[in-house]
Amino acid sequence: MRLIGLVLALSLLAPLAAEAQTAGKPARLGYLSLGSRETAALVPLRLAFIDGLRGLGYVERYNVVIEYQFAAGDRDQLAGRAQHLARLQPDVLIGEGFEQPTP
């Protein structure tokens, strides 16, 4: 499921590559995670995402700006953090770690 989200996010970014390069301004991404920056299970996914961006010609802090927001496992924080990202008007919003808990 996470791989599908990663592939979808990267496919949404591909058209931005040409636009960002011709406009001369970096692409802006909003990255929302239920986990924390250090969540062990999600770090490899995040690293794969950064590597995928690099494969599309995006280098963080060079031609892409990523605004990260982490809820640190607190689902109640997600709405506020998502609103914060939306106010920044990123080109793309990416969500990570939103699996439904099993009863």
PDB file of N, CA and C in Angstrom:
ATOM      1  N   MET A   1       0.817  -1.179   0.000  1.00  0.00           N
ATOM      2  CA  MET A   1       0.000   0.000   0.000  1.00  0.00           C
ATOM      3  C   MET A   1       0.870   1.257   0.000  1.00  0.00           C
ATOM      4  N   ARG A   2       1.932   1.233   0.801  1.00  0.00           N
ATOM      5  CA  ARG A   2       2.828   2.387   0.842  1.00  0.00           C
ATOM      6  C   ARG A   2       3.509   2.595  -0.504  1.00  0.00           C
ATOM      7  N   LEU A   3       3.887   1.494  -1.158  1.00  0.00           N
ATOM      8  CA  LEU A   3       4.537   1.590  -2.454  1.00  0.00           C
ATOM      9  C   LEU A   3       3.607   2.244  -3.464  1.00  0.00           C
ATOM     10  N   ILE A   4       2.329   1.906  -3.419  1.00  0.00           N
ATOM     11  CA  ILE A   4       1.368   2.506  -4.334  1.00  0.00           C
ATOM     12  C   ILE A   4       1.309   4.019  -4.118  1.00  0.00           C
ATOM     13  N   GLY A   5       1.283   4.434  -2.859  1.00  0.00           N
ATOM     14  CA  GLY A   5       1.273   5.866  -2.557  1.00  0.00           C
ATOM     15  C   GLY A   5       2.523   6.563  -3.052  1.00  0.00           C
ATOM     16  N   LEU A   6       3.663   5.910  -2.888  1.00  0.00           N
ATOM     17  CA  LEU A   6       4.929   6.478  -3.338  1.00  0.00           C
ATOM     18  C   LEU A   6       4.938   6.631  -4.854  1.00  0.00           C
ATOM     19  N   VAL A   7       4.502   5.599  -5.563  1.00  0.00           N
ATOM     20  CA  VAL A   7       4.465   5.643  -7.026  1.00  0.00           C
ATOM     21  C   VAL A   7       3.503   6.735  -7.491  1.00  0.00           C
ATOM     22  N   LEU A   8       2.350   6.828  -6.839  1.00  0.00           N
ATOM     23  CA  LEU A   8       1.380   7.859  -7.197  1.00  0.00           C
ATOM     24  C   LEU A   8       1.961   9.252  -6.973  1.00  0.00           C
ATOM     25  N   ALA A   9       2.593   9.469  -5.836  1.00  0.00           N
ATOM     26  CA  ALA A   9       3.180  10.780  -5.544  1.00  0.00           C
ATOM     27  C   ALA A   9       4.236  11.141  -6.579  1.00  0.00           C
ATOM     28  N   LEU A  10       5.094  10.204  -6.917  1.00  0.00           N
ATOM     29  CA  LEU A  10       6.147  10.486  -7.889  1.00  0.00           C
ATOM     30  C   LEU A  10       5.571  10.742  -9.280  1.00  0.00           C
ATOM     31  N   SER A  11       4.493  10.031  -9.630  1.00  0.00           N
ATOM     32  CA  SER A  11       3.883  10.268 -10.942  1.00  0.00           C
ATOM     33  C   SER A  11       3.239  11.644 -11.004  1.00  0.00           C
ATOM     34  N   LEU A  12       2.741  12.142  -9.882  1.00  0.00           N
ATOM     35  CA  LEU A  12       2.178  13.485  -9.845  1.00  0.00           C
ATOM     36  C   LEU A  12       3.265  14.546  -9.962  1.00  0.00           C
ATOM     37  N   LEU A  13       4.461  14.228  -9.524  1.00  0.00           N
ATOM     38  CA  LEU A  13       5.568  15.189  -9.560  1.00  0.00           C
ATOM     39  C   LEU A  13       6.230  15.290 -10.924  1.00  0.00           C
ATOM     40  N   ALA A  14       6.152  14.247 -11.729  1.00  0.00           N
ATOM     41  CA  ALA A  14       6.852  14.232 -13.013  1.00  0.00           C
ATOM     42  C   ALA A  14       6.519  15.447 -13.880  1.00  0.00           C
ATOM     43  N   PRO A  15       5.233  15.825 -14.027  1.00  0.00           N
ATOM     44  CA  PRO A  15       4.944  17.001 -14.853  1.00  0.00           C
ATOM     45  C   PRO A  15       5.509  18.293 -14.275  1.00  0.00           C
ATOM     46  N   LEU A  16       5.721  18.351 -12.982  1.00  0.00           N
ATOM     47  CA  LEU A  16       6.271  19.558 -12.370  1.00  0.00           C
ATOM     48  C   LEU A  16       7.733  19.776 -12.740  1.00  0.00           C
ATOM     49  N   ALA A  17       8.424  18.717 -13.122  1.00  0.00           N
ATOM     50  CA  ALA A  17       9.850  18.835 -13.436  1.00  0.00           C
ATOM     51  C   ALA A  17      10.082  19.834 -14.560  1.00  0.00           C
ATOM     52  N   ALA A  18       9.353  19.685 -15.638  1.00  0.00           N
ATOM     53  CA  ALA A  18       9.516  20.600 -16.767  1.00  0.00           C
ATOM     54  C   ALA A  18       9.081  22.003 -16.400  1.00  0.00           C
ATOM     55  N   GLU A  19       7.974  22.124 -15.677  1.00  0.00           N
ATOM     56  CA  GLU A  19       7.468  23.435 -15.281  1.00  0.00           C
ATOM     57  C   GLU A  19       8.448  24.147 -14.357  1.00  0.00           C
ATOM     58  N   ALA A  20       8.962  23.443 -13.367  1.00  0.00           N
ATOM     59  CA  ALA A  20       9.887  24.057 -12.412  1.00  0.00           C
ATOM     60  C   ALA A  20      11.174  24.484 -13.106  1.00  0.00           C
ATOM     61  N   GLN A  21      11.649  23.684 -14.044  1.00  0.00           N
ATOM     62  CA  GLN A  21      12.894  24.019 -14.712  1.00  0.00           C
ATOM     63  C   GLN A  21      12.724  25.224 -15.620  1.00  0.00           C
ATOM     64  N   THR A  22      11.578  25.345 -16.288  1.00  0.00           N
ATOM     65  CA  THR A  22      11.386  26.481 -17.177  1.00  0.00           C
ATOM     66  C   THR A  22      11.041  27.735 -16.390  1.00  0.00           C
ATOM     67  N   ALA A  23      10.339  27.606 -15.285  1.00  0.00           N
ATOM     68  CA  ALA A  23       9.945  28.772 -14.508  1.00  0.00           C
ATOM     69  C   ALA A  23      11.094  29.285 -13.653  1.00  0.00           C
ATOM     70  N   GLY A  24      12.098  28.454 -13.399  1.00  0.00           N
ATOM     71  CA  GLY A  24      13.229  28.872 -12.601  1.00  0.00           C
ATOM     72  C   GLY A  24      12.948  28.913 -11.107  1.00  0.00           C
ATOM     73  N   LYS A  25      11.804  28.451 -10.683  1.00  0.00           N
ATOM     74  CA  LYS A  25      11.517  28.431  -9.253  1.00  0.00           C
ATOM     75  C   LYS A  25      11.391  26.982  -8.796  1.00  0.00           C
ATOM     76  N   PRO A  26      11.757  26.717  -7.568  1.00  0.00           N
ATOM     77  CA  PRO A  26      11.681  25.333  -7.094  1.00  0.00           C
ATOM     78  C   PRO A  26      10.241  24.869  -6.924  1.00  0.00           C
ATOM     79  N   ALA A  27      10.023  23.583  -7.145  1.00  0.00           N
ATOM     80  CA  ALA A  27       8.722  22.990  -6.861  1.00  0.00           C
ATOM     81  C   ALA A  27       8.549  22.973  -5.347  1.00  0.00           C
ATOM     82  N   ARG A  28       7.323  23.132  -4.879  1.00  0.00           N
ATOM     83  CA  ARG A  28       7.043  23.133  -3.443  1.00  0.00           C
ATOM     84  C   ARG A  28       6.165  21.935  -3.117  1.00  0.00           C
ATOM     85  N   LEU A  29       6.632  21.134  -2.165  1.00  0.00           N
ATOM     86  CA  LEU A  29       5.894  19.947  -1.747  1.00  0.00           C
ATOM     87  C   LEU A  29       5.521  20.065  -0.278  1.00  0.00           C
ATOM     88  N   GLY A  30       4.324  19.625   0.057  1.00  0.00           N
ATOM     89  CA  GLY A  30       3.914  19.501   1.448  1.00  0.00           C
ATOM     90  C   GLY A  30       3.893  18.026   1.797  1.00  0.00           C
ATOM     91  N   TYR A  31       4.574  17.642   2.839  1.00  0.00           N
ATOM     92  CA  TYR A  31       4.735  16.235   3.208  1.00  0.00           C
ATOM     93  C   TYR A  31       4.172  16.035   4.611  1.00  0.00           C
ATOM     94  N   LEU A  32       3.048  15.327   4.708  1.00  0.00           N
ATOM     95  CA  LEU A  32       2.370  15.098   5.978  1.00  0.00           C
ATOM     96  C   LEU A  32       2.535  13.637   6.386  1.00  0.00           C
ATOM     97  N   SER A  33       2.977  13.425   7.620  1.00  0.00           N
ATOM     98  CA  SER A  33       3.200  12.074   8.108  1.00  0.00           C
ATOM     99  C   SER A  33       2.528  11.871   9.458  1.00  0.00           C
ATOM    100  N   LEU A  34       1.897  10.727   9.616  1.00  0.00           N
ATOM    101  CA  LEU A  34       1.331  10.347  10.904  1.00  0.00           C
ATOM    102  C   LEU A  34       2.456  10.017  11.882  1.00  0.00           C
ATOM    103  N   GLY A  35       3.571   9.565  11.371  1.00  0.00           N
ATOM    104  CA  GLY A  35       4.707   9.202  12.217  1.00  0.00           C
ATOM    105  C   GLY A  35       5.514  10.419  12.621  1.00  0.00           C
ATOM    106  N   SER A  36       6.707  10.140  13.124  1.00  0.00           N
ATOM    107  CA  SER A  36       7.643  11.208  13.455  1.00  0.00           C
ATOM    108  C   SER A  36       8.787  11.151  12.445  1.00  0.00           C
ATOM    109  N   ARG A  37       9.632  12.123  12.483  1.00  0.00           N
ATOM    110  CA  ARG A  37      10.768  12.139  11.556  1.00  0.00           C
ATOM    111  C   ARG A  37      11.621  10.881  11.725  1.00  0.00           C
ATOM    112  N   GLU A  38      11.633  10.320  12.942  1.00  0.00           N
ATOM    113  CA  GLU A  38      12.491   9.175  13.248  1.00  0.00           C
ATOM    114  C   GLU A  38      11.762   7.838  13.230  1.00  0.00           C
ATOM    115  N   THR A  39      10.484   7.783  12.862  1.00  0.00           N
ATOM    116  CA  THR A  39       9.743   6.524  12.855  1.00  0.00           C
ATOM    117  C   THR A  39      10.478   5.505  11.980  1.00  0.00           C
ATOM    118  N   ALA A  40      11.010   4.486  12.608  1.00  0.00           N
ATOM    119  CA  ALA A  40      11.895   3.534  11.926  1.00  0.00           C
ATOM    120  C   ALA A  40      11.251   2.891  10.708  1.00  0.00           C
ATOM    121  N   ALA A  41       9.979   2.523  10.802  1.00  0.00           N
ATOM    122  CA  ALA A  41       9.320   1.840   9.691  1.00  0.00           C
ATOM    123  C   ALA A  41       9.109   2.771   8.499  1.00  0.00           C
ATOM    124  N   LEU A  42       9.052   4.064   8.726  1.00  0.00           N
ATOM    125  CA  LEU A  42       8.759   5.004   7.648  1.00  0.00           C
ATOM    126  C   LEU A  42       9.993   5.655   7.050  1.00  0.00           C
ATOM    127  N   VAL A  43      11.111   5.623   7.746  1.00  0.00           N
ATOM    128  CA  VAL A  43      12.331   6.249   7.236  1.00  0.00           C
ATOM    129  C   VAL A  43      12.735   5.658   5.883  1.00  0.00           C
ATOM    130  N   PRO A  44      12.727   4.336   5.690  1.00  0.00           N
ATOM    131  CA  PRO A  44      13.089   3.807   4.365  1.00  0.00           C
ATOM    132  C   PRO A  44      12.143   4.288   3.261  1.00  0.00           C
ATOM    133  N   LEU A  45      10.855   4.426   3.584  1.00  0.00           N
ATOM    134  CA  LEU A  45       9.893   4.922   2.605  1.00  0.00           C
ATOM    135  C   LEU A  45      10.221   6.365   2.232  1.00  0.00           C
ATOM    136  N   ARG A  46      10.521   7.171   3.232  1.00  0.00           N
ATOM    137  CA  ARG A  46      10.859   8.575   2.990  1.00  0.00           C
ATOM    138  C   ARG A  46      12.146   8.679   2.176  1.00  0.00           C
ATOM    139  N   LEU A  47      13.131   7.835   2.491  1.00  0.00           N
ATOM    140  CA  LEU A  47      14.383   7.843   1.727  1.00  0.00           C
ATOM    141  C   LEU A  47      14.151   7.416   0.280  1.00  0.00           C
ATOM    142  N   ALA A  48      13.263   6.451   0.071  1.00  0.00           N
ATOM    143  CA  ALA A  48      12.920   6.021  -1.286  1.00  0.00           C
ATOM    144  C   ALA A  48      12.227   7.155  -2.044  1.00  0.00           C
ATOM    145  N   PHE A  49      11.393   7.900  -1.342  1.00  0.00           N
ATOM    146  CA  PHE A  49      10.719   9.041  -1.945  1.00  0.00           C
ATOM    147  C   PHE A  49      11.744  10.086  -2.403  1.00  0.00           C
ATOM    148  N   ILE A  50      12.695  10.419  -1.529  1.00  0.00           N
ATOM    149  CA  ILE A  50      13.741  11.392  -1.861  1.00  0.00           C
ATOM    150  C   ILE A  50      14.578  10.886  -3.038  1.00  0.00           C
ATOM    151  N   ASP A  51      14.882   9.583  -3.044  1.00  0.00           N
ATOM    152  CA  ASP A  51      15.641   8.987  -4.145  1.00  0.00           C
ATOM    153  C   ASP A  51      14.838   9.050  -5.445  1.00  0.00           C
ATOM    154  N   GLY A  52      13.528   8.797  -5.351  1.00  0.00           N
ATOM    155  CA  GLY A  52      12.662   8.893  -6.532  1.00  0.00           C
ATOM    156  C   GLY A  52      12.616  10.309  -7.081  1.00  0.00           C
ATOM    157  N   LEU A  53      12.570  11.285  -6.188  1.00  0.00           N
ATOM    158  CA  LEU A  53      12.617  12.682  -6.624  1.00  0.00           C
ATOM    159  C   LEU A  53      13.912  12.968  -7.363  1.00  0.00           C
ATOM    160  N   ARG A  54      15.005  12.477  -6.791  1.00  0.00           N
ATOM    161  CA  ARG A  54      16.314  12.677  -7.411  1.00  0.00           C
ATOM    162  C   ARG A  54      16.336  12.066  -8.817  1.00  0.00           C
ATOM    163  N   GLY A  55      15.689  10.911  -8.963  1.00  0.00           N
ATOM    164  CA  GLY A  55      15.610  10.272 -10.273  1.00  0.00           C
ATOM    165  C   GLY A  55      14.832  11.096 -11.290  1.00  0.00           C
ATOM    166  N   LEU A  56      13.952  11.964 -10.796  1.00  0.00           N
ATOM    167  CA  LEU A  56      13.195  12.861 -11.676  1.00  0.00           C
ATOM    168  C   LEU A  56      13.894  14.206 -11.871  1.00  0.00           C
ATOM    169  N   GLY A  57      15.065  14.342 -11.267  1.00  0.00           N
ATOM    170  CA  GLY A  57      15.824  15.569 -11.417  1.00  0.00           C
ATOM    171  C   GLY A  57      15.614  16.589 -10.313  1.00  0.00           C
ATOM    172  N   TYR A  58      14.925  16.189  -9.246  1.00  0.00           N
ATOM    173  CA  TYR A  58      14.692  17.093  -8.116  1.00  0.00           C
ATOM    174  C   TYR A  58      15.710  16.847  -7.018  1.00  0.00           C
ATOM    175  N   VAL A  59      16.308  17.915  -6.524  1.00  0.00           N
ATOM    176  CA  VAL A  59      17.244  17.834  -5.417  1.00  0.00           C
ATOM    177  C   VAL A  59      16.733  18.782  -4.337  1.00  0.00           C
ATOM    178  N   GLU A  60      16.492  18.217  -3.153  1.00  0.00           N
ATOM    179  CA  GLU A  60      15.956  19.008  -2.058  1.00  0.00           C
ATOM    180  C   GLU A  60      16.864  20.195  -1.754  1.00  0.00           C
ATOM    181  N   ARG A  61      16.253  21.345  -1.548  1.00  0.00           N
ATOM    182  CA  ARG A  61      16.917  22.623  -1.272  1.00  0.00           C
ATOM    183  C   ARG A  61      17.630  23.198  -2.499  1.00  0.00           C
ATOM    184  N   TYR A  62      17.532  22.526  -3.638  1.00  0.00           N
ATOM    185  CA  TYR A  62      18.107  23.065  -4.864  1.00  0.00           C
ATOM    186  C   TYR A  62      16.987  23.472  -5.818  1.00  0.00           C
ATOM    187  N   ASN A  63      16.179  22.493  -6.243  1.00  0.00           N
ATOM    188  CA  ASN A  63      15.069  22.810  -7.130  1.00  0.00           C
ATOM    189  C   ASN A  63      13.735  22.259  -6.626  1.00  0.00           C
ATOM    190  N   VAL A  64      13.722  21.805  -5.372  1.00  0.00           N
ATOM    191  CA  VAL A  64      12.470  21.392  -4.736  1.00  0.00           C
ATOM    192  C   VAL A  64      12.571  21.737  -3.253  1.00  0.00           C
ATOM    193  N   VAL A  65      11.488  22.294  -2.744  1.00  0.00           N
ATOM    194  CA  VAL A  65      11.396  22.625  -1.327  1.00  0.00           C
ATOM    195  C   VAL A  65      10.337  21.707  -0.734  1.00  0.00           C
ATOM    196  N   ILE A  66      10.693  20.993   0.330  1.00  0.00           N
ATOM    197  CA  ILE A  66       9.742  20.085   0.975  1.00  0.00           C
ATOM    198  C   ILE A  66       9.474  20.603   2.382  1.00  0.00           C
ATOM    199  N   GLU A  67       8.217  20.901   2.637  1.00  0.00           N
ATOM    200  CA  GLU A  67       7.793  21.313   3.974  1.00  0.00           C
ATOM    201  C   GLU A  67       7.240  20.073   4.663  1.00  0.00           C
ATOM    202  N   TYR A  68       7.928  19.600   5.689  1.00  0.00           N
ATOM    203  CA  TYR A  68       7.528  18.399   6.413  1.00  0.00           C
ATOM    204  C   TYR A  68       6.673  18.772   7.622  1.00  0.00           C
ATOM    205  N   GLN A  69       5.643  17.990   7.858  1.00  0.00           N
ATOM    206  CA  GLN A  69       4.835  18.096   9.069  1.00  0.00           C
ATOM    207  C   GLN A  69       4.625  16.675   9.604  1.00  0.00           C
ATOM    208  N   PHE A  70       4.922  16.482  10.888  1.00  0.00           N
ATOM    209  CA  PHE A  70       4.820  15.167  11.508  1.00  0.00           C
ATOM    210  C   PHE A  70       3.839  15.224  12.675  1.00  0.00           C
ATOM    211  N   ALA A  71       2.964  14.221  12.761  1.00  0.00           N
ATOM    212  CA  ALA A  71       1.975  14.162  13.840  1.00  0.00           C
ATOM    213  C   ALA A  71       2.439  13.287  14.998  1.00  0.00           C
ATOM    214  N   ALA A  72       3.570  12.621  14.864  1.00  0.00           N
ATOM    215  CA  ALA A  72       4.154  11.794  15.930  1.00  0.00           C
ATOM    216  C   ALA A  72       3.156  10.800  16.515  1.00  0.00           C
ATOM    217  N   GLY A  73       2.377  10.168  15.635  1.00  0.00           N
ATOM    218  CA  GLY A  73       1.430   9.134  16.067  1.00  0.00           C
ATOM    219  C   GLY A  73       0.110   9.660  16.593  1.00  0.00           C
ATOM    220  N   ASP A  74      -0.061  10.958  16.670  1.00  0.00           N
ATOM    221  CA  ASP A  74      -1.280  11.562  17.212  1.00  0.00           C
ATOM    222  C   ASP A  74      -2.207  11.969  16.065  1.00  0.00           C
ATOM    223  N   ARG A  75      -3.194  11.115  15.778  1.00  0.00           N
ATOM    224  CA  ARG A  75      -4.122  11.368  14.675  1.00  0.00           C
ATOM    225  C   ARG A  75      -4.869  12.696  14.842  1.00  0.00           C
ATOM    226  N   ASP A  76      -5.037  13.153  16.075  1.00  0.00           N
ATOM    227  CA  ASP A  76      -5.734  14.409  16.322  1.00  0.00           C
ATOM    228  C   ASP A  76      -4.960  15.615  15.781  1.00  0.00           C
ATOM    229  N   GLN A  77      -3.672  15.450  15.551  1.00  0.00           N
ATOM    230  CA  GLN A  77      -2.847  16.542  15.027  1.00  0.00           C
ATOM    231  C   GLN A  77      -2.890  16.645  13.502  1.00  0.00           C
ATOM    232  N   LEU A  78      -3.374  15.594  12.828  1.00  0.00           N
ATOM    233  CA  LEU A  78      -3.299  15.561  11.371  1.00  0.00           C
ATOM    234  C   LEU A  78      -4.036  16.716  10.702  1.00  0.00           C
ATOM    235  N   ALA A  79      -5.258  17.004  11.143  1.00  0.00           N
ATOM    236  CA  ALA A  79      -6.042  18.053  10.483  1.00  0.00           C
ATOM    237  C   ALA A  79      -5.340  19.406  10.568  1.00  0.00           C
ATOM    238  N   GLY A  80      -4.837  19.755  11.729  1.00  0.00           N
ATOM    239  CA  GLY A  80      -4.143  21.031  11.890  1.00  0.00           C
ATOM    240  C   GLY A  80      -2.881  21.106  11.067  1.00  0.00           C
ATOM    241  N   ARG A  81      -2.153  20.019  11.026  1.00  0.00           N
ATOM    242  CA  ARG A  81      -0.903  20.005  10.251  1.00  0.00           C
ATOM    243  C   ARG A  81      -1.198  20.052   8.752  1.00  0.00           C
ATOM    244  N   ALA A  82      -2.272  19.385   8.333  1.00  0.00           N
ATOM    245  CA  ALA A  82      -2.673  19.437   6.921  1.00  0.00           C
ATOM    246  C   ALA A  82      -3.103  20.854   6.543  1.00  0.00           C
ATOM    247  N   GLN A  83      -3.827  21.525   7.431  1.00  0.00           N
ATOM    248  CA  GLN A  83      -4.247  22.907   7.170  1.00  0.00           C
ATOM    249  C   GLN A  83      -3.029  23.823   7.043  1.00  0.00           C
ATOM    250  N   HIS A  84      -2.047  23.601   7.906  1.00  0.00           N
ATOM    251  CA  HIS A  84      -0.810  24.391   7.832  1.00  0.00           C
ATOM    252  C   HIS A  84      -0.161  24.227   6.457  1.00  0.00           C
ATOM    253  N   LEU A  85      -0.057  22.981   6.003  1.00  0.00           N
ATOM    254  CA  LEU A  85       0.548  22.730   4.694  1.00  0.00           C
ATOM    255  C   LEU A  85      -0.277  23.351   3.575  1.00  0.00           C
ATOM    256  N   ALA A  86      -1.590  23.253   3.655  1.00  0.00           N
ATOM    257  CA  ALA A  86      -2.456  23.810   2.613  1.00  0.00           C
ATOM    258  C   ALA A  86      -2.292  25.326   2.519  1.00  0.00           C
ATOM    259  N   ARG A  87      -2.111  25.993   3.644  1.00  0.00           N
ATOM    260  CA  ARG A  87      -1.910  27.449   3.634  1.00  0.00           C
ATOM    261  C   ARG A  87      -0.617  27.841   2.904  1.00  0.00           C
ATOM    262  N   LEU A  88       0.339  26.937   2.873  1.00  0.00           N
ATOM    263  CA  LEU A  88       1.595  27.201   2.165  1.00  0.00           C
ATOM    264  C   LEU A  88       1.448  27.081   0.650  1.00  0.00           C
ATOM    265  N   GLN A  89       0.322  26.566   0.207  1.00  0.00           N
ATOM    266  CA  GLN A  89      -0.001  26.382  -1.212  1.00  0.00           C
ATOM    267  C   GLN A  89       1.088  25.627  -1.981  1.00  0.00           C
ATOM    268  N   PRO A  90       1.387  24.414  -1.530  1.00  0.00           N
ATOM    269  CA  PRO A  90       2.394  23.631  -2.255  1.00  0.00           C
ATOM    270  C   PRO A  90       1.845  23.162  -3.602  1.00  0.00           C
ATOM    271  N   ASP A  91       2.745  22.782  -4.479  1.00  0.00           N
ATOM    272  CA  ASP A  91       2.337  22.233  -5.772  1.00  0.00           C
ATOM    273  C   ASP A  91       1.695  20.862  -5.593  1.00  0.00           C
ATOM    274  N   VAL A  92       2.190  20.110  -4.611  1.00  0.00           N
ATOM    275  CA  VAL A  92       1.693  18.757  -4.352  1.00  0.00           C
ATOM    276  C   VAL A  92       1.699  18.515  -2.848  1.00  0.00           C
ATOM    277  N   LEU A  93       0.657  17.852  -2.350  1.00  0.00           N
ATOM    278  CA  LEU A  93       0.614  17.390  -0.961  1.00  0.00           C
ATOM    279  C   LEU A  93       0.808  15.883  -0.960  1.00  0.00           C
ATOM    280  N   ILE A  94       1.656  15.399  -0.077  1.00  0.00           N
ATOM    281  CA  ILE A  94       1.931  13.966   0.031  1.00  0.00           C
ATOM    282  C   ILE A  94       1.620  13.530   1.446  1.00  0.00           C
ATOM    283  N   GLY A  95       0.914  12.405   1.588  1.00  0.00           N
ATOM    284  CA  GLY A  95       0.602  11.862   2.905  1.00  0.00           C
ATOM    285  C   GLY A  95       1.313  10.538   3.110  1.00  0.00           C
ATOM    286  N   GLU A  96       1.782  10.312   4.318  1.00  0.00           N
ATOM    287  CA  GLU A  96       2.517   9.082   4.641  1.00  0.00           C
ATOM    288  C   GLU A  96       1.999   8.495   5.942  1.00  0.00           C
ATOM    289  N   GLY A  97       1.800   7.186   5.967  1.00  0.00           N
ATOM    290  CA  GLY A  97       1.507   6.485   7.212  1.00  0.00           C
ATOM    291  C   GLY A  97       0.077   6.605   7.691  1.00  0.00           C
ATOM    292  N   PHE A  98      -0.883   6.537   6.764  1.00  0.00           N
ATOM    293  CA  PHE A  98      -2.279   6.708   7.154  1.00  0.00           C
ATOM    294  C   PHE A  98      -3.052   5.392   7.116  1.00  0.00           C
ATOM    295  N   GLU A  99      -2.430   4.332   7.516  1.00  0.00           N
ATOM    296  CA  GLU A  99      -3.112   3.033   7.545  1.00  0.00           C
ATOM    297  C   GLU A  99      -4.168   3.023   8.629  1.00  0.00           C
ATOM    298  N   GLN A 100      -5.264   2.346   8.351  1.00  0.00           N
ATOM    299  CA  GLN A 100      -6.315   2.188   9.353  1.00  0.00           C
ATOM    300  C   GLN A 100      -5.867   1.162  10.378  1.00  0.00           C
ATOM    301  N   PRO A 101      -6.038   1.464  11.655  1.00  0.00           N
ATOM    302  CA  PRO A 101      -5.662   0.476  12.676  1.00  0.00           C
ATOM    303  C   PRO A 101      -6.577  -0.741  12.613  1.00  0.00           C
ATOM    304  N   THR A 102      -6.022  -1.908  12.871  1.00  0.00           N
ATOM    305  CA  THR A 102      -6.841  -3.118  12.878  1.00  0.00           C
ATOM    306  C   THR A 102      -7.392  -3.321  14.273  1.00  0.00           C
ATOM    307  N   PRO A 103      -8.671  -3.717  14.370  1.00  0.00           N
ATOM    308  CA  PRO A 103      -9.286  -3.902  15.701  1.00  0.00           C
ATOM    309  C   PRO A 103      -8.728  -5.076  16.445  1.00  0.00           C
TER     310      PRO A 103
END
